Amino acid sequence: MLRLLPRLLVGALGVLALIGLLRLWTDPAIPAATLGLSPIGGLGLATLRADVAGFFGGMGAFALAAAIRNDRRLVTVPLVLVSLALVGRLITAGMEGLAPDMVMPMAVEATLAVLLAIGRRTLGTR
């Protein structure tokens, strides 16, 4: 059971990230506002649908594939992506100061990094 839990959590993360991808593709303004982003014109909408949705899509696809295949190697991609996002937030906090609304996303990304690192360690290889 202890080995199954990380696999289930990695899979759930994958599904949630893919839902985020679909939300960004279909109506990017709503999830963008949740993320503190505001699209400006067609370029802004295209950037949300391409860059931000691509981040969620890549993370979700590889996390879900890792859970389905029980392959720890596939967890590396979402682990690197979420870790880079956290590093970006830490750089912002260091250069601009830590705003109260930055704490929750940083906590979520740190938690996801730990979860994915556990998945990277415990999932099987095929």
N, C-alpha and C. Protein backbone atom coordinates (compact mmCIF):
# COMPACT_ATOMS: atom_id res chain seq x y z
N MET A 1 0.82 -1.20 0.00
CA MET A 1 0.00 0.00 0.00
C MET A 1 0.86 1.26 0.00
N LEU A 2 1.96 1.26 0.75
CA LEU A 2 2.81 2.45 0.80
C LEU A 2 3.46 2.75 -0.54
N ARG A 3 3.69 1.74 -1.35
CA ARG A 3 4.26 1.97 -2.68
C ARG A 3 3.18 2.40 -3.67
N LEU A 4 1.94 2.03 -3.40
CA LEU A 4 0.84 2.39 -4.29
C LEU A 4 0.43 3.85 -4.11
N LEU A 5 0.52 4.37 -2.90
CA LEU A 5 0.08 5.74 -2.62
C LEU A 5 0.82 6.78 -3.46
N PRO A 6 2.15 6.76 -3.52
CA PRO A 6 2.83 7.75 -4.38
C PRO A 6 2.42 7.64 -5.84
N ARG A 7 2.21 6.43 -6.29
CA ARG A 7 1.79 6.23 -7.69
C ARG A 7 0.42 6.86 -7.93
N LEU A 8 -0.50 6.65 -6.99
CA LEU A 8 -1.83 7.25 -7.11
C LEU A 8 -1.76 8.78 -7.05
N LEU A 9 -0.93 9.31 -6.17
CA LEU A 9 -0.81 10.76 -6.05
C LEU A 9 -0.17 11.38 -7.29
N VAL A 10 0.84 10.72 -7.84
CA VAL A 10 1.46 11.21 -9.08
C VAL A 10 0.43 11.18 -10.21
N GLY A 11 -0.38 10.12 -10.26
CA GLY A 11 -1.43 10.04 -11.27
C GLY A 11 -2.47 11.13 -11.10
N ALA A 12 -2.87 11.39 -9.86
CA ALA A 12 -3.84 12.45 -9.59
C ALA A 12 -3.29 13.81 -9.99
N LEU A 13 -2.02 14.03 -9.69
CA LEU A 13 -1.37 15.27 -10.12
C LEU A 13 -1.42 15.40 -11.64
N GLY A 14 -1.15 14.30 -12.33
CA GLY A 14 -1.20 14.32 -13.78
C GLY A 14 -2.57 14.69 -14.31
N VAL A 15 -3.60 14.10 -13.74
CA VAL A 15 -4.97 14.40 -14.17
C VAL A 15 -5.31 15.87 -13.90
N LEU A 16 -4.97 16.36 -12.70
CA LEU A 16 -5.27 17.76 -12.37
C LEU A 16 -4.51 18.73 -13.27
N ALA A 17 -3.27 18.42 -13.58
CA ALA A 17 -2.51 19.29 -14.48
C ALA A 17 -3.11 19.29 -15.88
N LEU A 18 -3.58 18.14 -16.34
CA LEU A 18 -4.21 18.08 -17.66
C LEU A 18 -5.55 18.83 -17.67
N ILE A 19 -6.26 18.81 -16.56
CA ILE A 19 -7.47 19.63 -16.45
C ILE A 19 -7.10 21.11 -16.54
N GLY A 20 -6.01 21.49 -15.89
CA GLY A 20 -5.53 22.87 -16.01
C GLY A 20 -5.20 23.23 -17.45
N LEU A 21 -4.58 22.31 -18.16
CA LEU A 21 -4.29 22.51 -19.58
C LEU A 21 -5.58 22.78 -20.36
N LEU A 22 -6.58 21.94 -20.15
CA LEU A 22 -7.85 22.10 -20.88
C LEU A 22 -8.54 23.42 -20.53
N ARG A 23 -8.48 23.81 -19.27
CA ARG A 23 -9.07 25.09 -18.86
C ARG A 23 -8.34 26.25 -19.53
N LEU A 24 -7.03 26.17 -19.62
CA LEU A 24 -6.27 27.24 -20.27
C LEU A 24 -6.53 27.28 -21.77
N TRP A 25 -6.75 26.16 -22.38
CA TRP A 25 -7.04 26.13 -23.81
C TRP A 25 -8.44 26.67 -24.11
N THR A 26 -9.42 26.33 -23.27
CA THR A 26 -10.80 26.67 -23.59
C THR A 26 -11.20 28.07 -23.12
N ASP A 27 -10.74 28.50 -21.96
CA ASP A 27 -11.09 29.83 -21.43
C ASP A 27 -9.93 30.34 -20.59
N PRO A 28 -8.88 30.82 -21.24
CA PRO A 28 -7.64 31.14 -20.52
C PRO A 28 -7.76 32.29 -19.52
N ALA A 29 -8.71 33.18 -19.67
CA ALA A 29 -8.78 34.34 -18.78
C ALA A 29 -9.05 33.95 -17.33
N ILE A 30 -9.89 32.94 -17.11
CA ILE A 30 -10.25 32.57 -15.74
C ILE A 30 -9.07 31.94 -14.99
N PRO A 31 -8.44 30.88 -15.52
CA PRO A 31 -7.28 30.35 -14.79
C PRO A 31 -6.11 31.34 -14.75
N ALA A 32 -5.99 32.19 -15.77
CA ALA A 32 -4.92 33.19 -15.76
C ALA A 32 -5.08 34.14 -14.59
N ALA A 33 -6.31 34.58 -14.34
CA ALA A 33 -6.56 35.48 -13.22
C ALA A 33 -6.22 34.80 -11.89
N THR A 34 -6.50 33.51 -11.79
CA THR A 34 -6.15 32.75 -10.59
C THR A 34 -4.64 32.72 -10.38
N LEU A 35 -3.90 32.70 -11.48
CA LEU A 35 -2.44 32.67 -11.42
C LEU A 35 -1.82 34.06 -11.34
N GLY A 36 -2.66 35.10 -11.32
CA GLY A 36 -2.14 36.47 -11.24
C GLY A 36 -1.69 37.01 -12.58
N LEU A 37 -2.21 36.44 -13.67
CA LEU A 37 -1.83 36.87 -15.02
C LEU A 37 -3.00 37.56 -15.69
N SER A 38 -2.69 38.47 -16.61
CA SER A 38 -3.72 39.18 -17.35
C SER A 38 -3.32 39.20 -18.82
N PRO A 39 -4.07 38.49 -19.67
CA PRO A 39 -3.71 38.47 -21.09
C PRO A 39 -4.00 39.82 -21.75
N ILE A 40 -3.07 40.26 -22.57
CA ILE A 40 -3.25 41.50 -23.32
C ILE A 40 -3.35 41.15 -24.79
N GLY A 41 -4.54 41.24 -25.34
CA GLY A 41 -4.75 40.99 -26.76
C GLY A 41 -4.54 39.54 -27.15
N GLY A 42 -4.45 39.35 -28.46
CA GLY A 42 -4.27 38.01 -29.01
C GLY A 42 -2.96 37.37 -28.60
N LEU A 43 -1.89 38.18 -28.52
CA LEU A 43 -0.60 37.63 -28.11
C LEU A 43 -0.66 37.11 -26.68
N GLY A 44 -1.31 37.84 -25.80
CA GLY A 44 -1.43 37.40 -24.41
C GLY A 44 -2.21 36.10 -24.29
N LEU A 45 -3.32 36.02 -25.03
CA LEU A 45 -4.10 34.78 -25.01
C LEU A 45 -3.32 33.62 -25.61
N ALA A 46 -2.61 33.89 -26.70
CA ALA A 46 -1.80 32.83 -27.33
C ALA A 46 -0.69 32.37 -26.40
N THR A 47 -0.09 33.30 -25.67
CA THR A 47 0.98 32.95 -24.74
C THR A 47 0.44 32.07 -23.61
N LEU A 48 -0.74 32.42 -23.10
CA LEU A 48 -1.35 31.58 -22.06
C LEU A 48 -1.64 30.19 -22.59
N ARG A 49 -2.20 30.12 -23.79
CA ARG A 49 -2.56 28.82 -24.36
C ARG A 49 -1.33 28.01 -24.76
N ALA A 50 -0.26 28.66 -25.11
CA ALA A 50 0.94 27.94 -25.55
C ALA A 50 1.90 27.68 -24.38
N ASP A 51 2.38 28.74 -23.75
CA ASP A 51 3.44 28.60 -22.76
C ASP A 51 2.93 28.06 -21.42
N VAL A 52 1.92 28.70 -20.87
CA VAL A 52 1.43 28.28 -19.55
C VAL A 52 0.72 26.92 -19.66
N ALA A 53 -0.13 26.78 -20.68
CA ALA A 53 -0.80 25.49 -20.87
C ALA A 53 0.21 24.40 -21.21
N GLY A 54 1.24 24.75 -21.95
CA GLY A 54 2.29 23.78 -22.27
C GLY A 54 2.99 23.27 -21.02
N PHE A 55 3.22 24.16 -20.07
CA PHE A 55 3.82 23.76 -18.79
C PHE A 55 2.92 22.74 -18.09
N PHE A 56 1.63 23.06 -17.97
CA PHE A 56 0.70 22.15 -17.31
C PHE A 56 0.53 20.86 -18.11
N GLY A 57 0.48 20.98 -19.42
CA GLY A 57 0.32 19.79 -20.26
C GLY A 57 1.51 18.85 -20.17
N GLY A 58 2.71 19.41 -20.23
CA GLY A 58 3.91 18.58 -20.12
C GLY A 58 4.00 17.90 -18.77
N MET A 59 3.73 18.69 -17.72
CA MET A 59 3.78 18.12 -16.38
C MET A 59 2.72 17.03 -16.23
N GLY A 60 1.51 17.32 -16.68
CA GLY A 60 0.41 16.37 -16.53
C GLY A 60 0.60 15.10 -17.33
N ALA A 61 1.03 15.25 -18.58
CA ALA A 61 1.20 14.07 -19.45
C ALA A 61 2.26 13.12 -18.89
N PHE A 62 3.38 13.68 -18.46
CA PHE A 62 4.45 12.82 -17.96
C PHE A 62 4.12 12.24 -16.59
N ALA A 63 3.44 13.00 -15.74
CA ALA A 63 3.05 12.46 -14.43
C ALA A 63 2.04 11.33 -14.60
N LEU A 64 1.05 11.54 -15.46
CA LEU A 64 0.06 10.50 -15.68
C LEU A 64 0.68 9.26 -16.33
N ALA A 65 1.56 9.47 -17.30
CA ALA A 65 2.25 8.34 -17.94
C ALA A 65 3.10 7.58 -16.93
N ALA A 66 3.77 8.31 -16.03
CA ALA A 66 4.58 7.66 -15.01
C ALA A 66 3.73 6.78 -14.10
N ALA A 67 2.56 7.29 -13.73
CA ALA A 67 1.67 6.52 -12.86
C ALA A 67 1.10 5.30 -13.59
N ILE A 68 0.67 5.50 -14.82
CA ILE A 68 0.08 4.39 -15.58
C ILE A 68 1.12 3.31 -15.85
N ARG A 69 2.31 3.71 -16.24
CA ARG A 69 3.36 2.73 -16.58
C ARG A 69 4.17 2.28 -15.38
N ASN A 70 3.95 2.94 -14.24
CA ASN A 70 4.74 2.66 -13.04
C ASN A 70 6.23 2.79 -13.35
N ASP A 71 6.59 3.93 -13.94
CA ASP A 71 7.96 4.15 -14.40
C ASP A 71 8.52 5.43 -13.78
N ARG A 72 9.44 5.26 -12.87
CA ARG A 72 10.01 6.39 -12.15
C ARG A 72 10.74 7.37 -13.06
N ARG A 73 11.27 6.89 -14.18
CA ARG A 73 12.01 7.78 -15.08
C ARG A 73 11.12 8.89 -15.63
N LEU A 74 9.86 8.59 -15.85
CA LEU A 74 8.94 9.58 -16.41
C LEU A 74 8.58 10.68 -15.42
N VAL A 75 8.79 10.43 -14.14
CA VAL A 75 8.51 11.45 -13.12
C VAL A 75 9.54 12.57 -13.17
N THR A 76 10.67 12.32 -13.80
CA THR A 76 11.74 13.31 -13.85
C THR A 76 11.27 14.61 -14.50
N VAL A 77 10.50 14.51 -15.57
CA VAL A 77 10.05 15.71 -16.29
C VAL A 77 9.19 16.61 -15.40
N PRO A 78 8.09 16.12 -14.81
CA PRO A 78 7.32 17.03 -13.95
C PRO A 78 8.10 17.50 -12.73
N LEU A 79 9.00 16.66 -12.22
CA LEU A 79 9.82 17.08 -11.08
C LEU A 79 10.71 18.26 -11.46
N VAL A 80 11.34 18.19 -12.61
CA VAL A 80 12.18 19.30 -13.06
C VAL A 80 11.34 20.55 -13.32
N LEU A 81 10.19 20.38 -13.98
CA LEU A 81 9.34 21.54 -14.29
C LEU A 81 8.87 22.26 -13.03
N VAL A 82 8.34 21.53 -12.07
CA VAL A 82 7.83 22.17 -10.86
C VAL A 82 8.98 22.74 -10.02
N SER A 83 10.13 22.10 -10.05
CA SER A 83 11.29 22.62 -9.32
C SER A 83 11.78 23.93 -9.94
N LEU A 84 11.80 24.00 -11.26
CA LEU A 84 12.18 25.25 -11.93
C LEU A 84 11.19 26.37 -11.64
N ALA A 85 9.90 26.03 -11.59
CA ALA A 85 8.89 27.03 -11.24
C ALA A 85 9.14 27.56 -9.83
N LEU A 86 9.45 26.66 -8.90
CA LEU A 86 9.72 27.08 -7.53
C LEU A 86 10.98 27.95 -7.46
N VAL A 87 12.00 27.59 -8.20
CA VAL A 87 13.22 28.40 -8.24
C VAL A 87 12.90 29.80 -8.77
N GLY A 88 12.07 29.88 -9.80
CA GLY A 88 11.67 31.18 -10.33
C GLY A 88 10.97 32.02 -9.27
N ARG A 89 10.12 31.40 -8.49
CA ARG A 89 9.43 32.13 -7.42
C ARG A 89 10.41 32.57 -6.33
N LEU A 90 11.37 31.72 -6.01
CA LEU A 90 12.37 32.09 -5.00
C LEU A 90 13.23 33.25 -5.49
N ILE A 91 13.57 33.26 -6.77
CA ILE A 91 14.32 34.38 -7.33
C ILE A 91 13.50 35.66 -7.22
N THR A 92 12.22 35.58 -7.55
CA THR A 92 11.35 36.75 -7.44
C THR A 92 11.26 37.23 -6.00
N ALA A 93 11.10 36.30 -5.07
CA ALA A 93 11.03 36.68 -3.65
C ALA A 93 12.32 37.34 -3.20
N GLY A 94 13.45 36.83 -3.68
CA GLY A 94 14.73 37.41 -3.30
C GLY A 94 14.97 38.78 -3.91
N MET A 95 14.51 38.98 -5.12
CA MET A 95 14.77 40.24 -5.82
C MET A 95 13.70 41.30 -5.56
N GLU A 96 12.46 40.87 -5.37
CA GLU A 96 11.35 41.82 -5.23
C GLU A 96 10.75 41.82 -3.83
N GLY A 97 11.12 40.86 -3.02
CA GLY A 97 10.51 40.71 -1.72
C GLY A 97 9.39 39.68 -1.79
N LEU A 98 9.10 39.09 -0.66
CA LEU A 98 8.07 38.05 -0.59
C LEU A 98 6.72 38.69 -0.28
N ALA A 99 5.84 38.68 -1.26
CA ALA A 99 4.48 39.19 -1.06
C ALA A 99 3.62 38.07 -0.46
N PRO A 100 2.64 38.44 0.35
CA PRO A 100 1.80 37.41 0.99
C PRO A 100 1.11 36.47 -0.01
N ASP A 101 0.73 36.99 -1.17
CA ASP A 101 0.03 36.13 -2.13
C ASP A 101 0.97 35.18 -2.88
N MET A 102 2.26 35.29 -2.63
CA MET A 102 3.23 34.38 -3.26
C MET A 102 3.45 33.11 -2.42
N VAL A 103 3.06 33.15 -1.17
CA VAL A 103 3.37 32.05 -0.25
C VAL A 103 2.64 30.76 -0.64
N MET A 104 1.35 30.85 -0.94
CA MET A 104 0.58 29.64 -1.25
C MET A 104 1.10 28.93 -2.50
N PRO A 105 1.33 29.63 -3.62
CA PRO A 105 1.88 28.91 -4.78
C PRO A 105 3.24 28.28 -4.50
N MET A 106 4.06 28.95 -3.70
CA MET A 106 5.36 28.39 -3.36
C MET A 106 5.20 27.13 -2.51
N ALA A 107 4.26 27.16 -1.58
CA ALA A 107 4.01 25.98 -0.75
C ALA A 107 3.49 24.82 -1.59
N VAL A 108 2.60 25.13 -2.53
CA VAL A 108 2.07 24.09 -3.41
C VAL A 108 3.20 23.49 -4.25
N GLU A 109 4.04 24.34 -4.84
CA GLU A 109 5.13 23.82 -5.67
C GLU A 109 6.14 23.03 -4.86
N ALA A 110 6.43 23.48 -3.65
CA ALA A 110 7.36 22.73 -2.79
C ALA A 110 6.76 21.37 -2.44
N THR A 111 5.47 21.34 -2.13
CA THR A 111 4.79 20.08 -1.81
C THR A 111 4.80 19.15 -3.01
N LEU A 112 4.51 19.70 -4.20
CA LEU A 112 4.53 18.88 -5.41
C LEU A 112 5.93 18.35 -5.70
N ALA A 113 6.95 19.16 -5.46
CA ALA A 113 8.32 18.71 -5.68
C ALA A 113 8.65 17.53 -4.76
N VAL A 114 8.23 17.63 -3.51
CA VAL A 114 8.47 16.52 -2.57
C VAL A 114 7.71 15.28 -3.01
N LEU A 115 6.44 15.45 -3.37
CA LEU A 115 5.63 14.32 -3.84
C LEU A 115 6.26 13.66 -5.06
N LEU A 116 6.68 14.47 -6.01
CA LEU A 116 7.29 13.92 -7.23
C LEU A 116 8.64 13.27 -6.94
N ALA A 117 9.40 13.84 -6.00
CA ALA A 117 10.67 13.21 -5.63
C ALA A 117 10.43 11.85 -4.98
N ILE A 118 9.39 11.76 -4.16
CA ILE A 118 9.03 10.47 -3.57
C ILE A 118 8.61 9.50 -4.67
N GLY A 119 7.82 9.98 -5.61
CA GLY A 119 7.42 9.15 -6.74
C GLY A 119 8.62 8.70 -7.56
N ARG A 120 9.56 9.60 -7.75
CA ARG A 120 10.79 9.28 -8.50
C ARG A 120 11.57 8.17 -7.80
N ARG A 121 11.48 8.15 -6.49
CA ARG A 121 12.23 7.16 -5.72
C ARG A 121 11.48 5.83 -5.60
N THR A 122 10.15 5.87 -5.58
CA THR A 122 9.40 4.65 -5.25
C THR A 122 8.74 3.96 -6.42
N LEU A 123 8.45 4.67 -7.50
CA LEU A 123 7.81 4.01 -8.63
C LEU A 123 8.77 3.00 -9.23
N GLY A 124 8.23 2.04 -9.94
CA GLY A 124 9.05 1.00 -10.55
C GLY A 124 9.67 1.45 -11.85
N THR A 125 10.37 0.53 -12.48
CA THR A 125 10.93 0.79 -13.81
C THR A 125 10.47 -0.32 -14.73
N ARG A 126 10.27 0.05 -15.96
CA ARG A 126 9.87 -0.95 -16.96
C ARG A 126 10.73 -0.79 -18.16
